C-alpha atoms as a PDB file:
ATOM      1  CA  MET A   1      30.414  -5.644-205.810  1.00  0.00           C
ATOM      2  CA  VAL A   2      28.589  -8.832-206.730  1.00  0.00           C
ATOM      3  CA  LYS A   3      27.650 -11.172-203.904  1.00  0.00           C
ATOM      4  CA  GLU A   4      29.271 -14.581-204.156  1.00  0.00           C
ATOM      5  CA  ASN A   5      26.737 -16.900-202.539  1.00  0.00           C
ATOM      6  CA  GLY A   6      28.370 -20.113-201.532  1.00  0.00           C
ATOM      7  CA  LEU A   7      27.815 -23.120-199.391  1.00  0.00           C
ATOM      8  CA  LEU A   8      29.592 -21.546-196.411  1.00  0.00           C
ATOM      9  CA  TRP A   9      28.813 -17.843-196.830  1.00  0.00           C
ATOM     10  CA  GLU A  10      26.003 -15.862-198.366  1.00  0.00           C
ATOM     11  CA  VAL A  11      27.762 -12.507-198.427  1.00  0.00           C
ATOM     12  CA  SER A  12      31.182 -12.093-199.999  1.00  0.00           C
ATOM     13  CA  PHE A  13      34.032 -14.137-198.544  1.00  0.00           C
ATOM     14  CA  TRP A  14      35.772 -11.072-197.105  1.00  0.00           C
ATOM     15  CA  GLU A  15      32.623  -9.846-195.346  1.00  0.00           C
ATOM     16  CA  PHE A  16      32.113 -13.337-193.932  1.00  0.00           C
ATOM     17  CA  PHE A  17      35.756 -13.562-192.862  1.00  0.00           C
ATOM     18  CA  PHE A  18      35.706 -10.143-191.199  1.00  0.00           C
ATOM     19  CA  VAL A  19      32.422 -10.516-189.308  1.00  0.00           C
ATOM     20  CA  THR A  20      32.364 -14.225-188.461  1.00  0.00           C
ATOM     21  CA  VAL A  21      36.000 -15.179-188.132  1.00  0.00           C
ATOM     22  CA  ILE A  22      37.650 -11.952-186.967  1.00  0.00           C
ATOM     23  CA  LEU A  23      35.006 -10.064-184.944  1.00  0.00           C
ATOM     24  CA  ALA A  24      32.752 -12.847-183.674  1.00  0.00           C
ATOM     25  CA  GLY A  25      35.694 -15.265-183.536  1.00  0.00           C
ATOM     26  CA  ALA A  26      37.572 -12.957-181.185  1.00  0.00           C
ATOM     27  CA  ALA A  27      34.489 -12.694-178.987  1.00  0.00           C
ATOM     28  CA  ALA A  28      34.106 -16.490-179.075  1.00  0.00           C
ATOM     29  CA  TYR A  29      37.753 -17.018-178.076  1.00  0.00           C
ATOM     30  CA  LEU A  30      37.403 -14.600-175.166  1.00  0.00           C
ATOM     31  CA  THR A  31      34.143 -16.247-174.113  1.00  0.00           C
ATOM     32  CA  GLY A  32      35.890 -19.626-174.122  1.00  0.00           C
ATOM     33  CA  ARG A  33      38.625 -18.160-171.924  1.00  0.00           C
ATOM     34  CA  ALA A  34      36.057 -16.693-169.523  1.00  0.00           C
ATOM     35  CA  VAL A  35      34.199 -19.998-169.242  1.00  0.00           C
ATOM     36  CA  ALA A  36      37.451 -21.841-168.547  1.00  0.00           C
ATOM     37  CA  ARG A  37      38.573 -19.293-165.953  1.00  0.00           C
ATOM     38  CA  SER A  38      35.298 -19.627-164.063  1.00  0.00           C
ATOM     39  CA  TRP A  39      35.401 -23.458-164.355  1.00  0.00           C
ATOM     40  CA  ASN A  40      31.976 -23.562-166.027  1.00  0.00           C
ATOM     41  CA  SER A  41      30.724 -26.418-168.198  1.00  0.00           C
ATOM     42  CA  ASN A  42      30.903 -26.976-171.931  1.00  0.00           C
ATOM     43  CA  VAL A  43      27.108 -26.751-172.105  1.00  0.00           C
ATOM     44  CA  GLN A  44      27.210 -23.202-170.795  1.00  0.00           C
ATOM     45  CA  LEU A  45      29.823 -22.297-173.415  1.00  0.00           C
ATOM     46  CA  ALA A  46      27.643 -23.792-176.150  1.00  0.00           C
ATOM     47  CA  ILE A  47      24.670 -21.718-174.968  1.00  0.00           C
ATOM     48  CA  TYR A  48      26.795 -18.573-175.097  1.00  0.00           C
ATOM     49  CA  MET A  49      27.860 -19.439-178.643  1.00  0.00           C
ATOM     50  CA  VAL A  50      24.237 -19.877-179.745  1.00  0.00           C
ATOM     51  CA  LEU A  51      23.564 -16.322-178.560  1.00  0.00           C
ATOM     52  CA  LEU A  52      26.757 -14.944-180.103  1.00  0.00           C
ATOM     53  CA  THR A  53      25.880 -16.595-183.410  1.00  0.00           C
ATOM     54  CA  ALA A  54      22.499 -14.856-183.385  1.00  0.00           C
ATOM     55  CA  ALA A  55      24.306 -11.525-182.933  1.00  0.00           C
ATOM     56  CA  CYS A  56      26.711 -12.423-185.727  1.00  0.00           C
ATOM     57  CA  ARG A  57      23.821 -13.225-188.067  1.00  0.00           C
ATOM     58  CA  PHE A  58      22.233  -9.876-187.186  1.00  0.00           C
ATOM     59  CA  ILE A  59      25.436  -8.062-188.161  1.00  0.00           C
ATOM     60  CA  HIS A  60      25.456  -9.908-191.495  1.00  0.00           C
ATOM     61  CA  TYR A  61      21.834  -8.870-191.978  1.00  0.00           C
ATOM     62  CA  ALA A  62      22.133  -5.261-190.851  1.00  0.00           C
ATOM     63  CA  LEU A  63      25.427  -4.304-192.476  1.00  0.00           C
ATOM     64  CA  PHE A  64      25.803  -6.575-195.498  1.00  0.00           C
ATOM     65  CA  ASN A  65      22.200  -7.383-196.541  1.00  0.00           C
ATOM     66  CA  GLY A  66      22.462 -11.026-195.550  1.00  0.00           C
ATOM     67  CA  THR A  67      19.512 -13.171-194.565  1.00  0.00           C
ATOM     68  CA  LEU A  68      18.639 -12.874-190.878  1.00  0.00           C
ATOM     69  CA  LEU A  69      16.776 -16.154-190.489  1.00  0.00           C
ATOM     70  CA  SER A  70      18.777 -18.583-192.601  1.00  0.00           C
ATOM     71  CA  LEU A  71      19.260 -21.912-190.849  1.00  0.00           C
ATOM     72  CA  GLN A  72      22.072 -23.021-193.170  1.00  0.00           C
ATOM     73  CA  TYR A  73      24.265 -19.968-192.593  1.00  0.00           C
ATOM     74  CA  TYR A  74      23.365 -19.861-188.898  1.00  0.00           C
ATOM     75  CA  ILE A  75      24.666 -23.419-188.481  1.00  0.00           C
ATOM     76  CA  VAL A  76      27.847 -22.611-190.448  1.00  0.00           C
ATOM     77  CA  ASP A  77      28.515 -19.577-188.237  1.00  0.00           C
ATOM     78  CA  LEU A  78      27.693 -21.585-185.111  1.00  0.00           C
ATOM     79  CA  ILE A  79      30.128 -24.377-185.996  1.00  0.00           C
ATOM     80  CA  ILE A  80      32.935 -21.916-186.680  1.00  0.00           C
ATOM     81  CA  LEU A  81      32.311 -20.008-183.445  1.00  0.00           C
ATOM     82  CA  LEU A  82      32.046 -23.220-181.414  1.00  0.00           C
ATOM     83  CA  ILE A  83      35.422 -24.387-182.734  1.00  0.00           C
ATOM     84  CA  ILE A  84      37.079 -21.072-181.887  1.00  0.00           C
ATOM     85  CA  ALA A  85      35.434 -20.927-178.448  1.00  0.00           C
ATOM     86  CA  PHE A  86      36.491 -24.459-177.527  1.00  0.00           C
ATOM     87  CA  ILE A  87      40.052 -23.715-178.659  1.00  0.00           C
ATOM     88  CA  GLY A  88      40.091 -20.696-176.345  1.00  0.00           C
ATOM     89  CA  ARG A  89      38.675 -22.781-173.519  1.00  0.00           C
ATOM     90  CA  GLN A  90      41.166 -25.606-174.012  1.00  0.00           C
ATOM     91  CA  VAL A  91      44.216 -23.326-174.194  1.00  0.00           C
ATOM     92  CA  THR A  92      43.149 -21.555-171.014  1.00  0.00           C
ATOM     93  CA  ARG A  93      42.319 -24.818-169.259  1.00  0.00           C
ATOM     94  CA  ALA A  94      45.762 -26.224-170.107  1.00  0.00           C
ATOM     95  CA  ARG A  95      47.388 -23.141-168.623  1.00  0.00           C
ATOM     96  CA  GLN A  96      45.182 -23.409-165.514  1.00  0.00           C
ATOM     97  CA  MET A  97      45.937 -27.052-164.932  1.00  0.00           C
ATOM     98  CA  THR A  98      49.693 -26.628-165.276  1.00  0.00           C
ATOM     99  CA  THR A  99      49.793 -23.477-163.148  1.00  0.00           C
ATOM    100  CA  GLN A 100      47.433 -24.417-160.335  1.00  0.00           C
ATOM    101  CA  TYR A 101      48.436 -28.064-160.193  1.00  0.00           C
ATOM    102  CA  SER A 102      52.084 -27.781-161.202  1.00  0.00           C
ATOM    103  CA  PHE A 103      53.013 -30.546-158.749  1.00  0.00           C
ATOM    104  CA  GLU A 104      50.801 -32.976-160.708  1.00  0.00           C
ATOM    105  CA  TYR A 105      50.726 -31.783-164.343  1.00  0.00           C
ATOM    106  CA  ARG A 106      53.108 -30.424-166.951  1.00  0.00           C
ATOM    107  CA  ARG A 107      52.425 -28.745-170.313  1.00  0.00           C
ATOM    108  CA  SER A 108      52.540 -31.133-173.247  1.00  0.00           C
ATOM    109  CA  GLY A 109      51.486 -28.670-175.939  1.00  0.00           C
ATOM    110  CA  PRO A 110      49.705 -25.356-176.331  1.00  0.00           C
ATOM    111  CA  ALA A 111      46.315 -26.888-175.487  1.00  0.00           C
ATOM    112  CA  ALA A 112      47.234 -30.025-173.573  1.00  0.00           C
ATOM    113  CA  TRP A 113      48.692 -31.168-170.303  1.00  0.00           C
ATOM    114  CA  ALA A 114      50.051 -34.471-169.056  1.00  0.00           C
ATOM    115  CA  ARG A 115      50.560 -36.077-165.675  1.00  0.00           C
ATOM    116  CA  LYS A 116      54.101 -35.827-164.349  1.00  0.00           C
ATOM    117  CA  THR A 117      55.905 -39.119-163.903  1.00  0.00           C
END
């Protein structure tokens, strides 16, 4: 199989999708949930994603002959994982706010809450 180097992935699209979006994305979503459940800050979540991205890049390197120390692909993976992690955090935070403070807030979407009137 010929590698299809692109702007967003250096291995084939399917290898990128499987490792970054499915495997590391699931870990990022669960990390976002854990950070929200423990009421930690966004900075702490970002630090966790930097570490998870390093592990993701290692998997690309070890299994699919990707480049371990490529800043471009590291930043692409980091942005994708940050988006997924913050979605997981926001969905969990919306559920927390509407469950724990149901007298004050109501759900206004899957990742949002609004003050009751």
